[in-house]
């Protein structure tokens, strides 16, 4: 992936939070910010997909909502396991 260097200005408190997170994750400030921006872009795309679906198919049913909750719960559990694995690997050195 091609990279481009940017200069940004953040409130001091937010900049410190990003620095701490980068340090805790053993990564760069740029990587933390890039990950967060990518996550925000995915959320926006998801919202747009839902808007499109509702405009084409109508409101979600209770069954649709239950299925979505089950998928999200499974994804959360999967992420929790990945986070635990990463933490164990980090502790192991």
N, C-alpha and C. Protein backbone atom coordinates (compact mmCIF):
# COMPACT_ATOMS: atom_id res chain seq x y z
N UNK A 1 0.84 -1.17 0.00
CA UNK A 1 0.00 0.00 0.00
C UNK A 1 0.89 1.24 0.00
N UNK A 2 0.57 2.16 -0.88
CA UNK A 2 1.33 3.41 -0.94
C UNK A 2 1.01 4.24 0.30
N UNK A 3 2.02 4.89 0.79
CA UNK A 3 1.85 5.72 1.99
C UNK A 3 2.09 7.17 1.62
N UNK A 4 1.46 8.07 2.33
CA UNK A 4 1.65 9.51 2.15
C UNK A 4 1.78 10.13 3.52
N UNK A 5 2.78 10.95 3.68
CA UNK A 5 3.02 11.61 4.95
C UNK A 5 2.15 12.86 5.04
N UNK A 6 1.49 13.00 6.20
CA UNK A 6 0.67 14.17 6.49
C UNK A 6 1.11 14.77 7.80
N UNK A 7 0.81 16.02 7.98
CA UNK A 7 1.03 16.67 9.26
C UNK A 7 -0.34 17.04 9.80
N UNK A 8 -0.63 16.63 11.04
CA UNK A 8 -1.92 16.95 11.63
C UNK A 8 -1.71 17.64 12.97
N UNK A 9 -2.72 18.34 13.40
CA UNK A 9 -2.71 18.99 14.70
C UNK A 9 -3.86 18.43 15.51
N UNK A 10 -3.55 18.01 16.73
CA UNK A 10 -4.56 17.44 17.63
C UNK A 10 -4.56 18.21 18.94
N UNK A 11 -5.69 18.22 19.63
CA UNK A 11 -5.68 18.76 20.99
C UNK A 11 -4.66 17.99 21.82
N UNK A 12 -3.99 18.66 22.73
CA UNK A 12 -2.90 18.06 23.50
C UNK A 12 -3.33 16.77 24.20
N UNK A 13 -4.51 16.79 24.80
CA UNK A 13 -4.98 15.62 25.53
C UNK A 13 -5.19 14.42 24.60
N UNK A 14 -5.76 14.67 23.43
CA UNK A 14 -5.96 13.59 22.46
C UNK A 14 -4.62 13.08 21.93
N UNK A 15 -3.69 13.98 21.66
CA UNK A 15 -2.37 13.57 21.18
C UNK A 15 -1.69 12.67 22.19
N UNK A 16 -1.81 13.01 23.46
CA UNK A 16 -1.19 12.18 24.50
C UNK A 16 -1.86 10.81 24.58
N UNK A 17 -3.18 10.78 24.42
CA UNK A 17 -3.90 9.49 24.42
C UNK A 17 -3.40 8.61 23.28
N UNK A 18 -3.24 9.21 22.11
CA UNK A 18 -2.77 8.45 20.95
C UNK A 18 -1.35 7.94 21.18
N UNK A 19 -0.48 8.79 21.72
CA UNK A 19 0.89 8.37 22.01
C UNK A 19 0.93 7.20 22.99
N UNK A 20 0.11 7.31 24.05
CA UNK A 20 0.06 6.21 25.04
C UNK A 20 -0.44 4.92 24.40
N UNK A 21 -1.49 5.02 23.59
CA UNK A 21 -2.02 3.82 22.95
C UNK A 21 -0.96 3.20 22.03
N UNK A 22 -0.27 4.01 21.28
CA UNK A 22 0.78 3.50 20.39
C UNK A 22 1.86 2.79 21.20
N UNK A 23 2.24 3.40 22.30
CA UNK A 23 3.27 2.81 23.16
C UNK A 23 2.79 1.47 23.72
N UNK A 24 1.56 1.45 24.22
CA UNK A 24 1.01 0.21 24.79
C UNK A 24 0.90 -0.90 23.75
N UNK A 25 0.57 -0.53 22.52
CA UNK A 25 0.42 -1.51 21.45
C UNK A 25 1.74 -1.84 20.77
N UNK A 26 2.78 -1.11 21.11
CA UNK A 26 4.07 -1.33 20.47
C UNK A 26 4.05 -0.97 18.99
N UNK A 27 3.37 0.10 18.67
CA UNK A 27 3.25 0.53 17.29
C UNK A 27 3.47 2.03 17.21
N UNK A 28 3.24 2.59 16.05
CA UNK A 28 3.46 4.02 15.86
C UNK A 28 2.18 4.81 16.03
N UNK A 29 2.34 6.10 16.28
CA UNK A 29 1.20 7.01 16.34
C UNK A 29 0.47 6.97 15.01
N UNK A 30 1.21 6.95 13.91
CA UNK A 30 0.58 6.90 12.59
C UNK A 30 -0.29 5.66 12.43
N UNK A 31 0.18 4.51 12.92
CA UNK A 31 -0.59 3.27 12.80
C UNK A 31 -1.87 3.35 13.62
N UNK A 32 -1.80 3.92 14.81
CA UNK A 32 -3.00 4.05 15.65
C UNK A 32 -4.02 4.93 14.96
N UNK A 33 -3.58 6.07 14.46
CA UNK A 33 -4.50 6.99 13.79
C UNK A 33 -5.06 6.35 12.52
N UNK A 34 -4.22 5.68 11.74
CA UNK A 34 -4.68 5.03 10.51
C UNK A 34 -5.72 3.96 10.82
N UNK A 35 -5.50 3.17 11.87
CA UNK A 35 -6.46 2.14 12.25
C UNK A 35 -7.81 2.76 12.63
N UNK A 36 -7.76 3.83 13.40
CA UNK A 36 -9.01 4.49 13.82
C UNK A 36 -9.75 5.11 12.65
N UNK A 37 -9.02 5.72 11.73
CA UNK A 37 -9.66 6.30 10.55
C UNK A 37 -10.27 5.22 9.66
N UNK A 38 -9.56 4.09 9.53
CA UNK A 38 -10.11 2.98 8.74
C UNK A 38 -11.38 2.44 9.39
N UNK A 39 -11.39 2.33 10.72
CA UNK A 39 -12.58 1.86 11.43
C UNK A 39 -13.74 2.83 11.22
N UNK A 40 -13.47 4.12 11.27
CA UNK A 40 -14.52 5.12 11.05
C UNK A 40 -15.07 5.02 9.63
N UNK A 41 -14.19 4.79 8.66
CA UNK A 41 -14.64 4.63 7.27
C UNK A 41 -15.53 3.40 7.12
N UNK A 42 -15.16 2.30 7.81
CA UNK A 42 -15.99 1.09 7.76
C UNK A 42 -17.36 1.34 8.39
N UNK A 43 -17.38 2.09 9.50
CA UNK A 43 -18.67 2.41 10.13
C UNK A 43 -19.54 3.24 9.20
N UNK A 44 -18.94 4.24 8.57
CA UNK A 44 -19.71 5.07 7.63
C UNK A 44 -20.25 4.24 6.48
N UNK A 45 -19.44 3.33 5.96
CA UNK A 45 -19.90 2.46 4.87
C UNK A 45 -21.03 1.57 5.34
N UNK A 46 -20.96 1.09 6.57
CA UNK A 46 -22.02 0.26 7.12
C UNK A 46 -23.32 1.03 7.25
N UNK A 47 -23.23 2.25 7.73
CA UNK A 47 -24.42 3.09 7.87
C UNK A 47 -25.04 3.34 6.50
N UNK A 48 -24.21 3.62 5.52
CA UNK A 48 -24.73 3.85 4.17
C UNK A 48 -25.37 2.58 3.61
N UNK A 49 -24.80 1.43 3.89
CA UNK A 49 -25.38 0.17 3.42
C UNK A 49 -26.75 -0.07 4.06
N UNK A 50 -26.87 0.23 5.34
CA UNK A 50 -28.16 0.08 6.03
C UNK A 50 -29.18 1.04 5.44
N UNK A 51 -28.78 2.29 5.23
CA UNK A 51 -29.71 3.26 4.62
C UNK A 51 -30.19 2.78 3.25
N UNK A 52 -29.26 2.28 2.45
CA UNK A 52 -29.64 1.78 1.13
C UNK A 52 -30.62 0.62 1.27
N UNK A 53 -30.30 -0.34 2.15
CA UNK A 53 -31.16 -1.51 2.31
C UNK A 53 -32.56 -1.10 2.72
N UNK A 54 -32.66 -0.22 3.71
CA UNK A 54 -33.97 0.22 4.19
C UNK A 54 -34.74 0.94 3.09
N UNK A 55 -34.04 1.73 2.29
CA UNK A 55 -34.73 2.44 1.21
C UNK A 55 -35.23 1.47 0.14
N UNK A 56 -34.54 0.35 -0.05
CA UNK A 56 -34.92 -0.64 -1.06
C UNK A 56 -35.90 -1.68 -0.53
N UNK A 57 -35.69 -2.11 0.72
CA UNK A 57 -36.44 -3.26 1.26
C UNK A 57 -37.40 -2.91 2.39
N UNK A 58 -37.29 -1.72 2.92
CA UNK A 58 -38.14 -1.34 4.04
C UNK A 58 -37.45 -1.60 5.36
N UNK A 59 -38.11 -1.27 6.46
CA UNK A 59 -37.50 -1.40 7.78
C UNK A 59 -37.13 -2.85 8.11
N UNK A 60 -36.14 -2.98 8.98
CA UNK A 60 -35.74 -4.30 9.46
C UNK A 60 -36.83 -4.88 10.35
N UNK A 61 -37.00 -6.18 10.25
CA UNK A 61 -37.95 -6.88 11.12
C UNK A 61 -37.25 -7.23 12.43
N UNK A 62 -38.01 -7.67 13.41
CA UNK A 62 -37.42 -8.12 14.68
C UNK A 62 -36.51 -9.32 14.43
N UNK A 63 -36.88 -10.18 13.50
CA UNK A 63 -36.02 -11.34 13.16
C UNK A 63 -34.70 -10.86 12.57
N UNK A 64 -34.76 -9.84 11.71
CA UNK A 64 -33.53 -9.27 11.14
C UNK A 64 -32.63 -8.74 12.26
N UNK A 65 -33.24 -8.02 13.20
CA UNK A 65 -32.47 -7.45 14.31
C UNK A 65 -31.84 -8.53 15.18
N UNK A 66 -32.59 -9.60 15.43
CA UNK A 66 -32.06 -10.69 16.25
C UNK A 66 -30.89 -11.37 15.55
N UNK A 67 -31.02 -11.58 14.25
CA UNK A 67 -29.93 -12.19 13.49
C UNK A 67 -28.69 -11.29 13.50
N UNK A 68 -28.90 -10.00 13.35
CA UNK A 68 -27.77 -9.05 13.37
C UNK A 68 -27.09 -9.05 14.73
N UNK A 69 -27.90 -9.06 15.81
CA UNK A 69 -27.31 -9.11 17.16
C UNK A 69 -26.47 -10.36 17.34
N UNK A 70 -26.96 -11.49 16.85
CA UNK A 70 -26.20 -12.75 16.98
C UNK A 70 -24.87 -12.67 16.22
N UNK A 71 -24.90 -12.10 15.04
CA UNK A 71 -23.67 -11.96 14.25
C UNK A 71 -22.69 -11.03 14.97
N UNK A 72 -23.19 -9.91 15.47
CA UNK A 72 -22.31 -8.96 16.17
C UNK A 72 -21.76 -9.55 17.46
N UNK A 73 -22.58 -10.30 18.18
CA UNK A 73 -22.09 -10.96 19.40
C UNK A 73 -20.97 -11.94 19.07
N UNK A 74 -21.14 -12.71 17.99
CA UNK A 74 -20.11 -13.67 17.58
C UNK A 74 -18.84 -12.93 17.17
N UNK A 75 -18.98 -11.82 16.47
CA UNK A 75 -17.82 -11.04 16.06
C UNK A 75 -17.10 -10.46 17.27
N UNK A 76 -17.87 -9.98 18.25
CA UNK A 76 -17.26 -9.45 19.48
C UNK A 76 -16.48 -10.55 20.21
N UNK A 77 -17.06 -11.73 20.29
CA UNK A 77 -16.39 -12.85 20.97
C UNK A 77 -15.11 -13.23 20.23
N UNK A 78 -15.18 -13.25 18.91
CA UNK A 78 -13.99 -13.57 18.10
C UNK A 78 -12.90 -12.52 18.35
N UNK A 79 -13.27 -11.24 18.36
CA UNK A 79 -12.29 -10.18 18.60
C UNK A 79 -11.71 -10.29 20.00
N UNK A 80 -12.54 -10.62 20.99
CA UNK A 80 -12.05 -10.79 22.36
C UNK A 80 -10.98 -11.87 22.41
N UNK A 81 -11.21 -12.99 21.69
CA UNK A 81 -10.25 -14.09 21.67
C UNK A 81 -8.96 -13.66 20.96
N UNK A 82 -9.09 -12.92 19.88
CA UNK A 82 -7.89 -12.43 19.18
C UNK A 82 -7.10 -11.49 20.08
N UNK A 83 -7.80 -10.62 20.80
CA UNK A 83 -7.13 -9.69 21.71
C UNK A 83 -6.41 -10.44 22.82
N UNK A 84 -7.04 -11.47 23.37
CA UNK A 84 -6.40 -12.27 24.42
C UNK A 84 -5.16 -12.97 23.88
N UNK A 85 -5.25 -13.52 22.67
CA UNK A 85 -4.10 -14.18 22.05
C UNK A 85 -2.96 -13.19 21.85
N UNK A 86 -3.29 -12.02 21.33
CA UNK A 86 -2.26 -11.00 21.11
C UNK A 86 -1.61 -10.59 22.42
N UNK A 87 -2.39 -10.48 23.47
CA UNK A 87 -1.85 -10.09 24.77
C UNK A 87 -0.92 -11.19 25.30
N UNK A 88 -1.32 -12.43 25.15
CA UNK A 88 -0.46 -13.55 25.60
C UNK A 88 0.85 -13.57 24.81
N UNK A 89 0.77 -13.34 23.50
CA UNK A 89 1.97 -13.32 22.68
C UNK A 89 2.88 -12.16 23.07
N UNK A 90 2.28 -11.02 23.39
CA UNK A 90 3.04 -9.86 23.81
C UNK A 90 3.76 -10.14 25.12
N UNK A 91 3.04 -10.78 26.06
CA UNK A 91 3.63 -11.10 27.35
C UNK A 91 4.75 -12.14 27.22
N UNK A 92 4.61 -13.06 26.25
CA UNK A 92 5.61 -14.10 26.05
C UNK A 92 6.88 -13.54 25.41
N UNK A 93 6.74 -12.37 24.82
CA UNK A 93 7.92 -11.69 24.27
C UNK A 93 8.09 -11.98 22.87
